[in-house]
Amino acid sequence: MLYHYSLVDFDTVCKNVLDLDNRIRFAGIINEKGKLVAGGLRTGLKSLEDPKDDEMLFMELALRVKMRQEFDKQLGPVKFSLSMREKVVVMSFPIGNSQVLYVSADRGLDFTSVPMRILEILH
């Protein structure tokens, strides 16, 4: 599935994701170079990591998403990935071949239904 969005659309996507649940801390679009191009941290919250760590996290995420595409032919394309960390739940949703929606949320988030609702927003 190839989604086509403008930067305005990306901002709307991020806002709609943040509006899904107050436990969602961050919704941002990361480009293929690991740069945040839209969205960000929910207003009023403090980041759990240093801004320099964000840069590294986003670059690593962009690389990981690209590497997962190696198995698309055999397994089908990735719809989303989810990691449960000690402090947060993080999810990534590939958008086309070069961007990814990155979402982090408090651990109390319903991680069975929220990712499906995010996929609906992306369609």
PDB file of N, CA and C in Angstrom:
ATOM      1  N   MET A   1       0.838  -1.180   0.000  1.00  0.00           N
ATOM      2  CA  MET A   1       0.000   0.000   0.000  1.00  0.00           C
ATOM      3  C   MET A   1       0.879   1.237   0.000  1.00  0.00           C
ATOM      4  N   LEU A   2       0.601   2.125  -0.914  1.00  0.00           N
ATOM      5  CA  LEU A   2       1.364   3.360  -0.992  1.00  0.00           C
ATOM      6  C   LEU A   2       0.426   4.504  -0.678  1.00  0.00           C
ATOM      7  N   TYR A   3       0.716   5.216   0.401  1.00  0.00           N
ATOM      8  CA  TYR A   3      -0.093   6.355   0.796  1.00  0.00           C
ATOM      9  C   TYR A   3       0.588   7.620   0.310  1.00  0.00           C
ATOM     10  N   HIS A   4      -0.178   8.554  -0.199  1.00  0.00           N
ATOM     11  CA  HIS A   4       0.374   9.828  -0.647  1.00  0.00           C
ATOM     12  C   HIS A   4      -0.183  10.931   0.243  1.00  0.00           C
ATOM     13  N   TYR A   5       0.715  11.650   0.899  1.00  0.00           N
ATOM     14  CA  TYR A   5       0.323  12.709   1.815  1.00  0.00           C
ATOM     15  C   TYR A   5       1.173  13.938   1.554  1.00  0.00           C
ATOM     16  N   SER A   6       0.611  15.104   1.832  1.00  0.00           N
ATOM     17  CA  SER A   6       1.403  16.333   1.855  1.00  0.00           C
ATOM     18  C   SER A   6       1.783  16.586   3.311  1.00  0.00           C
ATOM     19  N   LEU A   7       2.630  17.581   3.551  1.00  0.00           N
ATOM     20  CA  LEU A   7       3.000  17.896   4.936  1.00  0.00           C
ATOM     21  C   LEU A   7       1.791  18.323   5.752  1.00  0.00           C
ATOM     22  N   VAL A   8       0.841  19.022   5.122  1.00  0.00           N
ATOM     23  CA  VAL A   8      -0.385  19.410   5.826  1.00  0.00           C
ATOM     24  C   VAL A   8      -1.151  18.159   6.236  1.00  0.00           C
ATOM     25  N   ASP A   9      -1.251  17.190   5.317  1.00  0.00           N
ATOM     26  CA  ASP A   9      -1.911  15.931   5.648  1.00  0.00           C
ATOM     27  C   ASP A   9      -1.193  15.229   6.798  1.00  0.00           C
ATOM     28  N   PHE A  10       0.133  15.254   6.785  1.00  0.00           N
ATOM     29  CA  PHE A  10       0.904  14.620   7.854  1.00  0.00           C
ATOM     30  C   PHE A  10       0.580  15.252   9.203  1.00  0.00           C
ATOM     31  N   ASP A  11       0.487  16.567   9.249  1.00  0.00           N
ATOM     32  CA  ASP A  11       0.128  17.232  10.508  1.00  0.00           C
ATOM     33  C   ASP A  11      -1.253  16.799  10.975  1.00  0.00           C
ATOM     34  N   THR A  12      -2.184  16.673  10.038  1.00  0.00           N
ATOM     35  CA  THR A  12      -3.542  16.227  10.371  1.00  0.00           C
ATOM     36  C   THR A  12      -3.525  14.795  10.882  1.00  0.00           C
ATOM     37  N   VAL A  13      -2.762  13.928  10.227  1.00  0.00           N
ATOM     38  CA  VAL A  13      -2.641  12.538  10.672  1.00  0.00           C
ATOM     39  C   VAL A  13      -2.134  12.499  12.114  1.00  0.00           C
ATOM     40  N   CYS A  14      -1.077  13.244  12.394  1.00  0.00           N
ATOM     41  CA  CYS A  14      -0.501  13.246  13.749  1.00  0.00           C
ATOM     42  C   CYS A  14      -1.497  13.769  14.778  1.00  0.00           C
ATOM     43  N   LYS A  15      -2.212  14.830  14.444  1.00  0.00           N
ATOM     44  CA  LYS A  15      -3.227  15.374  15.355  1.00  0.00           C
ATOM     45  C   LYS A  15      -4.320  14.341  15.613  1.00  0.00           C
ATOM     46  N   ASN A  16      -4.783  13.681  14.538  1.00  0.00           N
ATOM     47  CA  ASN A  16      -5.835  12.677  14.691  1.00  0.00           C
ATOM     48  C   ASN A  16      -5.377  11.506  15.554  1.00  0.00           C
ATOM     49  N   VAL A  17      -4.118  11.121  15.431  1.00  0.00           N
ATOM     50  CA  VAL A  17      -3.582  10.041  16.263  1.00  0.00           C
ATOM     51  C   VAL A  17      -3.534  10.486  17.723  1.00  0.00           C
ATOM     52  N   LEU A  18      -3.028  11.681  17.984  1.00  0.00           N
ATOM     53  CA  LEU A  18      -2.983  12.185  19.364  1.00  0.00           C
ATOM     54  C   LEU A  18      -4.381  12.280  19.967  1.00  0.00           C
ATOM     55  N   ASP A  19      -5.372  12.586  19.139  1.00  0.00           N
ATOM     56  CA  ASP A  19      -6.749  12.710  19.621  1.00  0.00           C
ATOM     57  C   ASP A  19      -7.388  11.366  19.973  1.00  0.00           C
ATOM     58  N   LEU A  20      -6.792  10.259  19.547  1.00  0.00           N
ATOM     59  CA  LEU A  20      -7.369   8.939  19.825  1.00  0.00           C
ATOM     60  C   LEU A  20      -7.405   8.605  21.311  1.00  0.00           C
ATOM     61  N   ASP A  21      -6.360   9.011  22.036  1.00  0.00           N
ATOM     62  CA  ASP A  21      -6.240   8.598  23.434  1.00  0.00           C
ATOM     63  C   ASP A  21      -5.276   9.544  24.143  1.00  0.00           C
ATOM     64  N   ASN A  22      -5.647  10.001  25.325  1.00  0.00           N
ATOM     65  CA  ASN A  22      -4.785  10.918  26.086  1.00  0.00           C
ATOM     66  C   ASN A  22      -3.469  10.288  26.520  1.00  0.00           C
ATOM     67  N   ARG A  23      -3.386   8.964  26.467  1.00  0.00           N
ATOM     68  CA  ARG A  23      -2.142   8.292  26.852  1.00  0.00           C
ATOM     69  C   ARG A  23      -1.108   8.291  25.730  1.00  0.00           C
ATOM     70  N   ILE A  24      -1.505   8.715  24.527  1.00  0.00           N
ATOM     71  CA  ILE A  24      -0.533   8.836  23.441  1.00  0.00           C
ATOM     72  C   ILE A  24       0.284  10.090  23.696  1.00  0.00           C
ATOM     73  N   ARG A  25       1.580   9.907  23.829  1.00  0.00           N
ATOM     74  CA  ARG A  25       2.492  11.001  24.169  1.00  0.00           C
ATOM     75  C   ARG A  25       3.029  11.711  22.933  1.00  0.00           C
ATOM     76  N   PHE A  26       3.277  10.955  21.889  1.00  0.00           N
ATOM     77  CA  PHE A  26       3.985  11.485  20.722  1.00  0.00           C
ATOM     78  C   PHE A  26       3.429  10.835  19.465  1.00  0.00           C
ATOM     79  N   ALA A  27       3.233  11.634  18.431  1.00  0.00           N
ATOM     80  CA  ALA A  27       2.897  11.122  17.097  1.00  0.00           C
ATOM     81  C   ALA A  27       3.641  11.995  16.099  1.00  0.00           C
ATOM     82  N   GLY A  28       4.534  11.385  15.347  1.00  0.00           N
ATOM     83  CA  GLY A  28       5.330  12.157  14.399  1.00  0.00           C
ATOM     84  C   GLY A  28       5.648  11.372  13.151  1.00  0.00           C
ATOM     85  N   ILE A  29       5.838  12.093  12.065  1.00  0.00           N
ATOM     86  CA  ILE A  29       6.230  11.491  10.796  1.00  0.00           C
ATOM     87  C   ILE A  29       7.742  11.647  10.660  1.00  0.00           C
ATOM     88  N   ILE A  30       8.410  10.530  10.432  1.00  0.00           N
ATOM     89  CA  ILE A  30       9.857  10.496  10.269  1.00  0.00           C
ATOM     90  C   ILE A  30      10.146  10.168   8.805  1.00  0.00           C
ATOM     91  N   ASN A  31      11.028  10.954   8.164  1.00  0.00           N
ATOM     92  CA  ASN A  31      11.347  10.663   6.765  1.00  0.00           C
ATOM     93  C   ASN A  31      12.452   9.612   6.666  1.00  0.00           C
ATOM     94  N   GLU A  32      12.832   9.278   5.428  1.00  0.00           N
ATOM     95  CA  GLU A  32      13.801   8.203   5.202  1.00  0.00           C
ATOM     96  C   GLU A  32      15.191   8.518   5.751  1.00  0.00           C
ATOM     97  N   LYS A  33      15.463   9.777   6.051  1.00  0.00           N
ATOM     98  CA  LYS A  33      16.754  10.171   6.621  1.00  0.00           C
ATOM     99  C   LYS A  33      16.705  10.264   8.146  1.00  0.00           C
ATOM    100  N   GLY A  34      15.557   9.928   8.726  1.00  0.00           N
ATOM    101  CA  GLY A  34      15.434   9.962  10.174  1.00  0.00           C
ATOM    102  C   GLY A  34      15.121  11.329  10.739  1.00  0.00           C
ATOM    103  N   LYS A  35      14.575  12.208   9.925  1.00  0.00           N
ATOM    104  CA  LYS A  35      14.218  13.559  10.373  1.00  0.00           C
ATOM    105  C   LYS A  35      12.721  13.635  10.647  1.00  0.00           C
ATOM    106  N   LEU A  36      12.360  14.297  11.737  1.00  0.00           N
ATOM    107  CA  LEU A  36      10.958  14.549  12.058  1.00  0.00           C
ATOM    108  C   LEU A  36      10.443  15.632  11.119  1.00  0.00           C
ATOM    109  N   VAL A  37       9.413  15.312  10.312  1.00  0.00           N
ATOM    110  CA  VAL A  37       8.891  16.282   9.341  1.00  0.00           C
ATOM    111  C   VAL A  37       7.498  16.792   9.709  1.00  0.00           C
ATOM    112  N   ALA A  38       6.837  16.153  10.658  1.00  0.00           N
ATOM    113  CA  ALA A  38       5.505  16.599  11.090  1.00  0.00           C
ATOM    114  C   ALA A  38       5.208  15.999  12.457  1.00  0.00           C
ATOM    115  N   GLY A  39       4.295  16.644  13.175  1.00  0.00           N
ATOM    116  CA  GLY A  39       3.864  16.135  14.467  1.00  0.00           C
ATOM    117  C   GLY A  39       4.877  16.390  15.559  1.00  0.00           C
ATOM    118  N   GLY A  40       4.727  15.655  16.651  1.00  0.00           N
ATOM    119  CA  GLY A  40       5.637  15.809  17.771  1.00  0.00           C
ATOM    120  C   GLY A  40       4.990  15.410  19.083  1.00  0.00           C
ATOM    121  N   LEU A  41       5.567  15.887  20.159  1.00  0.00           N
ATOM    122  CA  LEU A  41       5.133  15.566  21.513  1.00  0.00           C
ATOM    123  C   LEU A  41       3.828  16.282  21.847  1.00  0.00           C
ATOM    124  N   ARG A  42       2.960  15.577  22.559  1.00  0.00           N
ATOM    125  CA  ARG A  42       1.706  16.181  23.016  1.00  0.00           C
ATOM    126  C   ARG A  42       2.019  17.425  23.846  1.00  0.00           C
ATOM    127  N   THR A  43       1.267  18.484  23.618  1.00  0.00           N
ATOM    128  CA  THR A  43       1.438  19.737  24.351  1.00  0.00           C
ATOM    129  C   THR A  43       1.331  19.491  25.853  1.00  0.00           C
ATOM    130  N   GLY A  44       2.269  20.073  26.596  1.00  0.00           N
ATOM    131  CA  GLY A  44       2.248  19.977  28.049  1.00  0.00           C
ATOM    132  C   GLY A  44       3.048  18.821  28.619  1.00  0.00           C
ATOM    133  N   LEU A  45       3.546  17.929  27.761  1.00  0.00           N
ATOM    134  CA  LEU A  45       4.341  16.804  28.251  1.00  0.00           C
ATOM    135  C   LEU A  45       5.824  17.084  28.074  1.00  0.00           C
ATOM    136  N   LYS A  46       6.618  16.458  28.927  1.00  0.00           N
ATOM    137  CA  LYS A  46       8.071  16.562  28.826  1.00  0.00           C
ATOM    138  C   LYS A  46       8.596  15.274  28.204  1.00  0.00           C
ATOM    139  N   SER A  47       9.520  15.423  27.270  1.00  0.00           N
ATOM    140  CA  SER A  47      10.120  14.263  26.614  1.00  0.00           C
ATOM    141  C   SER A  47      10.864  13.406  27.629  1.00  0.00           C
ATOM    142  N   LEU A  48      10.821  12.104  27.433  1.00  0.00           N
ATOM    143  CA  LEU A  48      11.532  11.186  28.319  1.00  0.00           C
ATOM    144  C   LEU A  48      13.010  11.079  27.962  1.00  0.00           C
ATOM    145  N   GLU A  49      13.375  11.562  26.768  1.00  0.00           N
ATOM    146  CA  GLU A  49      14.768  11.484  26.354  1.00  0.00           C
ATOM    147  C   GLU A  49      15.287  12.849  25.921  1.00  0.00           C
ATOM    148  N   ASP A  50      16.578  12.950  25.825  1.00  0.00           N
ATOM    149  CA  ASP A  50      17.264  14.156  25.373  1.00  0.00           C
ATOM    150  C   ASP A  50      17.013  14.354  23.871  1.00  0.00           C
ATOM    151  N   PRO A  51      16.896  15.601  23.404  1.00  0.00           N
ATOM    152  CA  PRO A  51      16.684  15.838  21.965  1.00  0.00           C
ATOM    153  C   PRO A  51      17.737  15.178  21.068  1.00  0.00           C
ATOM    154  N   LYS A  52      18.974  15.093  21.518  1.00  0.00           N
ATOM    155  CA  LYS A  52      20.003  14.408  20.722  1.00  0.00           C
ATOM    156  C   LYS A  52      19.693  12.921  20.611  1.00  0.00           C
ATOM    157  N   ASP A  53      19.120  12.352  21.655  1.00  0.00           N
ATOM    158  CA  ASP A  53      18.722  10.948  21.608  1.00  0.00           C
ATOM    159  C   ASP A  53      17.572  10.754  20.628  1.00  0.00           C
ATOM    160  N   ASP A  54      16.678  11.751  20.534  1.00  0.00           N
ATOM    161  CA  ASP A  54      15.589  11.684  19.556  1.00  0.00           C
ATOM    162  C   ASP A  54      16.144  11.530  18.148  1.00  0.00           C
ATOM    163  N   GLU A  55      17.159  12.323  17.814  1.00  0.00           N
ATOM    164  CA  GLU A  55      17.763  12.251  16.480  1.00  0.00           C
ATOM    165  C   GLU A  55      18.253  10.841  16.185  1.00  0.00           C
ATOM    166  N   MET A  56      18.949  10.243  17.138  1.00  0.00           N
ATOM    167  CA  MET A  56      19.476   8.893  16.952  1.00  0.00           C
ATOM    168  C   MET A  56      18.343   7.877  16.857  1.00  0.00           C
ATOM    169  N   LEU A  57      17.341   8.022  17.705  1.00  0.00           N
ATOM    170  CA  LEU A  57      16.190   7.131  17.684  1.00  0.00           C
ATOM    171  C   LEU A  57      15.496   7.180  16.328  1.00  0.00           C
ATOM    172  N   PHE A  58      15.284   8.372  15.796  1.00  0.00           N
ATOM    173  CA  PHE A  58      14.590   8.519  14.521  1.00  0.00           C
ATOM    174  C   PHE A  58      15.409   7.948  13.364  1.00  0.00           C
ATOM    175  N   MET A  59      16.725   8.156  13.383  1.00  0.00           N
ATOM    176  CA  MET A  59      17.572   7.587  12.326  1.00  0.00           C
ATOM    177  C   MET A  59      17.552   6.062  12.385  1.00  0.00           C
ATOM    178  N   GLU A  60      17.626   5.521  13.587  1.00  0.00           N
ATOM    179  CA  GLU A  60      17.590   4.067  13.754  1.00  0.00           C
ATOM    180  C   GLU A  60      16.243   3.509  13.302  1.00  0.00           C
ATOM    181  N   LEU A  61      15.168   4.217  13.608  1.00  0.00           N
ATOM    182  CA  LEU A  61      13.834   3.792  13.196  1.00  0.00           C
ATOM    183  C   LEU A  61      13.719   3.763  11.676  1.00  0.00           C
ATOM    184  N   ALA A  62      14.187   4.816  11.007  1.00  0.00           N
ATOM    185  CA  ALA A  62      14.129   4.870   9.545  1.00  0.00           C
ATOM    186  C   ALA A  62      14.903   3.698   8.939  1.00  0.00           C
ATOM    187  N   LEU A  63      16.053   3.389   9.494  1.00  0.00           N
ATOM    188  CA  LEU A  63      16.855   2.272   9.005  1.00  0.00           C
ATOM    189  C   LEU A  63      16.149   0.940   9.243  1.00  0.00           C
ATOM    190  N   ARG A  64      15.583   0.766  10.423  1.00  0.00           N
ATOM    191  CA  ARG A  64      14.887  -0.484  10.754  1.00  0.00           C
ATOM    192  C   ARG A  64      13.701  -0.716   9.824  1.00  0.00           C
ATOM    193  N   VAL A  65      12.934   0.338   9.553  1.00  0.00           N
ATOM    194  CA  VAL A  65      11.779   0.218   8.654  1.00  0.00           C
ATOM    195  C   VAL A  65      12.253  -0.197   7.264  1.00  0.00           C
ATOM    196  N   LYS A  66      13.326   0.414   6.790  1.00  0.00           N
ATOM    197  CA  LYS A  66      13.877   0.080   5.473  1.00  0.00           C
ATOM    198  C   LYS A  66      14.349  -1.375   5.444  1.00  0.00           C
ATOM    199  N   MET A  67      15.002  -1.821   6.507  1.00  0.00           N
ATOM    200  CA  MET A  67      15.507  -3.192   6.554  1.00  0.00           C
ATOM    201  C   MET A  67      14.373  -4.216   6.568  1.00  0.00           C
ATOM    202  N   ARG A  68      13.267  -3.890   7.207  1.00  0.00           N
ATOM    203  CA  ARG A  68      12.130  -4.818   7.245  1.00  0.00           C
ATOM    204  C   ARG A  68      11.536  -5.035   5.860  1.00  0.00           C
ATOM    205  N   GLN A  69      11.718  -4.081   4.956  1.00  0.00           N
ATOM    206  CA  GLN A  69      11.179  -4.213   3.605  1.00  0.00           C
ATOM    207  C   GLN A  69      11.836  -5.362   2.847  1.00  0.00           C
ATOM    208  N   GLU A  70      12.985  -5.829   3.325  1.00  0.00           N
ATOM    209  CA  GLU A  70      13.679  -6.957   2.694  1.00  0.00           C
ATOM    210  C   GLU A  70      12.801  -8.208   2.666  1.00  0.00           C
ATOM    211  N   PHE A  71      11.882  -8.327   3.585  1.00  0.00           N
ATOM    212  CA  PHE A  71      11.058  -9.525   3.689  1.00  0.00           C
ATOM    213  C   PHE A  71       9.643  -9.334   3.153  1.00  0.00           C
ATOM    214  N   ASP A  72       9.372  -8.187   2.547  1.00  0.00           N
ATOM    215  CA  ASP A  72       8.025  -7.907   2.040  1.00  0.00           C
ATOM    216  C   ASP A  72       7.570  -8.931   1.008  1.00  0.00           C
ATOM    217  N   LYS A  73       8.462  -9.365   0.153  1.00  0.00           N
ATOM    218  CA  LYS A  73       8.080 -10.306  -0.906  1.00  0.00           C
ATOM    219  C   LYS A  73       7.616 -11.638  -0.316  1.00  0.00           C
ATOM    220  N   GLN A  74       8.329 -12.119   0.705  1.00  0.00           N
ATOM    221  CA  GLN A  74       7.993 -13.406   1.302  1.00  0.00           C
ATOM    222  C   GLN A  74       6.837 -13.317   2.299  1.00  0.00           C
ATOM    223  N   LEU A  75       6.825 -12.269   3.114  1.00  0.00           N
ATOM    224  CA  LEU A  75       5.880 -12.196   4.232  1.00  0.00           C
ATOM    225  C   LEU A  75       4.779 -11.160   4.055  1.00  0.00           C
ATOM    226  N   GLY A  76       4.905 -10.329   3.039  1.00  0.00           N
ATOM    227  CA  GLY A  76       3.979  -9.212   2.868  1.00  0.00           C
ATOM    228  C   GLY A  76       4.511  -7.997   3.607  1.00  0.00           C
ATOM    229  N   PRO A  77       4.042  -6.821   3.224  1.00  0.00           N
ATOM    230  CA  PRO A  77       4.549  -5.600   3.853  1.00  0.00           C
ATOM    231  C   PRO A  77       4.123  -5.478   5.318  1.00  0.00           C
ATOM    232  N   VAL A  78       4.967  -4.830   6.092  1.00  0.00           N
ATOM    233  CA  VAL A  78       4.679  -4.571   7.504  1.00  0.00           C
ATOM    234  C   VAL A  78       3.559  -3.537   7.590  1.00  0.00           C
ATOM    235  N   LYS A  79       2.551  -3.809   8.388  1.00  0.00           N
ATOM    236  CA  LYS A  79       1.473  -2.848   8.648  1.00  0.00           C
ATOM    237  C   LYS A  79       1.855  -1.937   9.815  1.00  0.00           C
ATOM    238  N   PHE A  80       2.393  -2.529  10.882  1.00  0.00           N
ATOM    239  CA  PHE A  80       2.915  -1.758  12.005  1.00  0.00           C
ATOM    240  C   PHE A  80       3.786  -2.668  12.857  1.00  0.00           C
ATOM    241  N   SER A  81       4.626  -2.053  13.655  1.00  0.00           N
ATOM    242  CA  SER A  81       5.437  -2.768  14.640  1.00  0.00           C
ATOM    243  C   SER A  81       5.179  -2.135  15.997  1.00  0.00           C
ATOM    244  N   LEU A  82       5.240  -2.955  17.036  1.00  0.00           N
ATOM    245  CA  LEU A  82       4.965  -2.480  18.386  1.00  0.00           C
ATOM    246  C   LEU A  82       6.031  -3.022  19.327  1.00  0.00           C
ATOM    247  N   SER A  83       6.525  -2.168  20.194  1.00  0.00           N
ATOM    248  CA  SER A  83       7.474  -2.586  21.230  1.00  0.00           C
ATOM    249  C   SER A  83       6.964  -2.118  22.582  1.00  0.00           C
ATOM    250  N   MET A  84       6.989  -3.024  23.533  1.00  0.00           N
ATOM    251  CA  MET A  84       6.632  -2.681  24.909  1.00  0.00           C
ATOM    252  C   MET A  84       7.934  -2.435  25.651  1.00  0.00           C
ATOM    253  N   ARG A  85       8.136  -1.209  26.063  1.00  0.00           N
ATOM    254  CA  ARG A  85       9.327  -0.853  26.828  1.00  0.00           C
ATOM    255  C   ARG A  85       8.931  -0.696  28.290  1.00  0.00           C
ATOM    256  N   GLU A  86       9.905  -0.513  29.138  1.00  0.00           N
ATOM    257  CA  GLU A  86       9.621  -0.387  30.570  1.00  0.00           C
ATOM    258  C   GLU A  86       8.730   0.817  30.865  1.00  0.00           C
ATOM    259  N   LYS A  87       8.963   1.935  30.157  1.00  0.00           N
ATOM    260  CA  LYS A  87       8.230   3.164  30.452  1.00  0.00           C
ATOM    261  C   LYS A  87       7.136   3.493  29.449  1.00  0.00           C
ATOM    262  N   VAL A  88       7.252   3.016  28.229  1.00  0.00           N
ATOM    263  CA  VAL A  88       6.292   3.382  27.180  1.00  0.00           C
ATOM    264  C   VAL A  88       6.057   2.226  26.214  1.00  0.00           C
ATOM    265  N   VAL A  89       4.988   2.371  25.445  1.00  0.00           N
ATOM    266  CA  VAL A  89       4.714   1.520  24.292  1.00  0.00           C
ATOM    267  C   VAL A  89       5.069   2.352  23.068  1.00  0.00           C
ATOM    268  N   VAL A  90       5.840   1.785  22.144  1.00  0.00           N
ATOM    269  CA  VAL A  90       6.170   2.505  20.916  1.00  0.00           C
ATOM    270  C   VAL A  90       5.682   1.701  19.717  1.00  0.00           C
ATOM    271  N   MET A  91       5.158   2.428  18.740  1.00  0.00           N
ATOM    272  CA  MET A  91       4.632   1.806  17.530  1.00  0.00           C
ATOM    273  C   MET A  91       5.162   2.550  16.320  1.00  0.00           C
ATOM    274  N   SER A  92       5.380   1.811  15.243  1.00  0.00           N
ATOM    275  CA  SER A  92       5.773   2.446  13.987  1.00  0.00           C
ATOM    276  C   SER A  92       4.911   1.890  12.864  1.00  0.00           C
ATOM    277  N   PHE A  93       4.499   2.793  11.977  1.00  0.00           N
ATOM    278  CA  PHE A  93       3.608   2.474  10.871  1.00  0.00           C
ATOM    279  C   PHE A  93       4.250   2.975   9.582  1.00  0.00           C
ATOM    280  N   PRO A  94       4.801   2.080   8.755  1.00  0.00           N
ATOM    281  CA  PRO A  94       5.389   2.541   7.496  1.00  0.00           C
ATOM    282  C   PRO A  94       4.340   3.228   6.624  1.00  0.00           C
ATOM    283  N   ILE A  95       4.744   4.319   5.999  1.00  0.00           N
ATOM    284  CA  ILE A  95       3.880   5.054   5.069  1.00  0.00           C
ATOM    285  C   ILE A  95       4.630   5.101   3.745  1.00  0.00           C
ATOM    286  N   GLY A  96       4.144   4.347   2.765  1.00  0.00           N
ATOM    287  CA  GLY A  96       4.851   4.287   1.492  1.00  0.00           C
ATOM    288  C   GLY A  96       6.209   3.639   1.680  1.00  0.00           C
ATOM    289  N   ASN A  97       7.175   4.076   0.873  1.00  0.00           N
ATOM    290  CA  ASN A  97       8.513   3.492   0.946  1.00  0.00           C
ATOM    291  C   ASN A  97       9.502   4.350   1.710  1.00  0.00           C
ATOM    292  N   SER A  98       9.082   5.550   2.139  1.00  0.00           N
ATOM    293  CA  SER A  98      10.106   6.440   2.674  1.00  0.00           C
ATOM    294  C   SER A  98       9.758   7.156   3.978  1.00  0.00           C
ATOM    295  N   GLN A  99       8.558   7.022   4.479  1.00  0.00           N
ATOM    296  CA  GLN A  99       8.216   7.668   5.742  1.00  0.00           C
ATOM    297  C   GLN A  99       7.643   6.648   6.714  1.00  0.00           C
ATOM    298  N   VAL A 100       7.622   7.068   7.977  1.00  0.00           N
ATOM    299  CA  VAL A 100       7.044   6.215   9.007  1.00  0.00           C
ATOM    300  C   VAL A 100       6.354   7.102  10.041  1.00  0.00           C
ATOM    301  N   LEU A 101       5.187   6.665  10.476  1.00  0.00           N
ATOM    302  CA  LEU A 101       4.501   7.309  11.593  1.00  0.00           C
ATOM    303  C   LEU A 101       5.015   6.639  12.857  1.00  0.00           C
ATOM    304  N   TYR A 102       5.612   7.429  13.735  1.00  0.00           N
ATOM    305  CA  TYR A 102       6.144   6.929  14.998  1.00  0.00           C
ATOM    306  C   TYR A 102       5.232   7.416  16.117  1.00  0.00           C
ATOM    307  N   VAL A 103       4.791   6.498  16.961  1.00  0.00           N
ATOM    308  CA  VAL A 103       3.861   6.816  18.045  1.00  0.00           C
ATOM    309  C   VAL A 103       4.417   6.234  19.342  1.00  0.00           C
ATOM    310  N   SER A 104       4.414   7.045  20.399  1.00  0.00           N
ATOM    311  CA  SER A 104       4.753   6.512  21.722  1.00  0.00           C
ATOM    312  C   SER A 104       3.612   6.852  22.673  1.00  0.00           C
ATOM    313  N   ALA A 105       3.404   5.964  23.636  1.00  0.00           N
ATOM    314  CA  ALA A 105       2.273   6.124  24.552  1.00  0.00           C
ATOM    315  C   ALA A 105       2.625   5.554  25.915  1.00  0.00           C
ATOM    316  N   ASP A 106       1.886   5.999  26.919  1.00  0.00           N
ATOM    317  CA  ASP A 106       2.030   5.434  28.251  1.00  0.00           C
ATOM    318  C   ASP A 106       1.672   3.950  28.200  1.00  0.00           C
ATOM    319  N   ARG A 107       2.233   3.185  29.114  1.00  0.00           N
ATOM    320  CA  ARG A 107       2.042   1.727  29.094  1.00  0.00           C
ATOM    321  C   ARG A 107       0.597   1.296  29.299  1.00  0.00           C
ATOM    322  N   GLY A 108      -0.251   2.149  29.833  1.00  0.00           N
ATOM    323  CA  GLY A 108      -1.644   1.788  30.050  1.00  0.00           C
ATOM    324  C   GLY A 108      -2.491   1.790  28.787  1.00  0.00           C
ATOM    325  N   LEU A 109      -1.911   2.162  27.673  1.00  0.00           N
ATOM    326  CA  LEU A 109      -2.643   2.228  26.408  1.00  0.00           C
ATOM    327  C   LEU A 109      -3.158   0.848  26.004  1.00  0.00           C
ATOM    328  N   ASP A 110      -4.358   0.806  25.446  1.00  0.00           N
ATOM    329  CA  ASP A 110      -4.897  -0.443  24.899  1.00  0.00           C
ATOM    330  C   ASP A 110      -4.186  -0.714  23.572  1.00  0.00           C
ATOM    331  N   PHE A 111      -3.134  -1.506  23.629  1.00  0.00           N
ATOM    332  CA  PHE A 111      -2.337  -1.714  22.431  1.00  0.00           C
ATOM    333  C   PHE A 111      -2.884  -2.807  21.522  1.00  0.00           C
ATOM    334  N   THR A 112      -4.088  -3.294  21.805  1.00  0.00           N
ATOM    335  CA  THR A 112      -4.736  -4.195  20.853  1.00  0.00           C
ATOM    336  C   THR A 112      -5.650  -3.430  19.908  1.00  0.00           C
ATOM    337  N   SER A 113      -6.321  -2.385  20.395  1.00  0.00           N
ATOM    338  CA  SER A 113      -7.254  -1.657  19.524  1.00  0.00           C
ATOM    339  C   SER A 113      -6.672  -0.382  18.923  1.00  0.00           C
ATOM    340  N   VAL A 114      -5.818   0.320  19.652  1.00  0.00           N
ATOM    341  CA  VAL A 114      -5.309   1.608  19.159  1.00  0.00           C
ATOM    342  C   VAL A 114      -4.535   1.464  17.845  1.00  0.00           C
ATOM    343  N   PRO A 115      -3.650   0.468  17.688  1.00  0.00           N
ATOM    344  CA  PRO A 115      -2.965   0.357  16.393  1.00  0.00           C
ATOM    345  C   PRO A 115      -3.930   0.170  15.219  1.00  0.00           C
ATOM    346  N   MET A 116      -5.006  -0.569  15.436  1.00  0.00           N
ATOM    347  CA  MET A 116      -5.990  -0.765  14.365  1.00  0.00           C
ATOM    348  C   MET A 116      -6.690   0.551  14.025  1.00  0.00           C
ATOM    349  N   ARG A 117      -6.952   1.352  15.034  1.00  0.00           N
ATOM    350  CA  ARG A 117      -7.574   2.661  14.796  1.00  0.00           C
ATOM    351  C   ARG A 117      -6.610   3.594  14.070  1.00  0.00           C
ATOM    352  N   ILE A 118      -5.320   3.479  14.368  1.00  0.00           N
ATOM    353  CA  ILE A 118      -4.325   4.284  13.654  1.00  0.00           C
ATOM    354  C   ILE A 118      -4.262   3.858  12.190  1.00  0.00           C
ATOM    355  N   LEU A 119      -4.312   2.555  11.933  1.00  0.00           N
ATOM    356  CA  LEU A 119      -4.330   2.086  10.539  1.00  0.00           C
ATOM    357  C   LEU A 119      -5.528   2.656   9.788  1.00  0.00           C
ATOM    358  N   GLU A 120      -6.672   2.760  10.467  1.00  0.00           N
ATOM    359  CA  GLU A 120      -7.857   3.360   9.835  1.00  0.00           C
ATOM    360  C   GLU A 120      -7.600   4.823   9.480  1.00  0.00           C
ATOM    361  N   ILE A 121      -6.920   5.555  10.348  1.00  0.00           N
ATOM    362  CA  ILE A 121      -6.588   6.957  10.062  1.00  0.00           C
ATOM    363  C   ILE A 121      -5.696   7.038   8.826  1.00  0.00           C
ATOM    364  N   LEU A 122      -4.752   6.116   8.710  1.00  0.00           N
ATOM    365  CA  LEU A 122      -3.814   6.138   7.582  1.00  0.00           C
ATOM    366  C   LEU A 122      -4.464   5.771   6.252  1.00  0.00           C
ATOM    367  N   HIS A 123      -5.589   5.120   6.305  1.00  0.00           N
ATOM    368  CA  HIS A 123      -6.269   4.758   5.059  1.00  0.00           C
ATOM    369  C   HIS A 123      -7.145   5.904   4.690  1.00  0.00           C
TER     370      HIS A 123
END
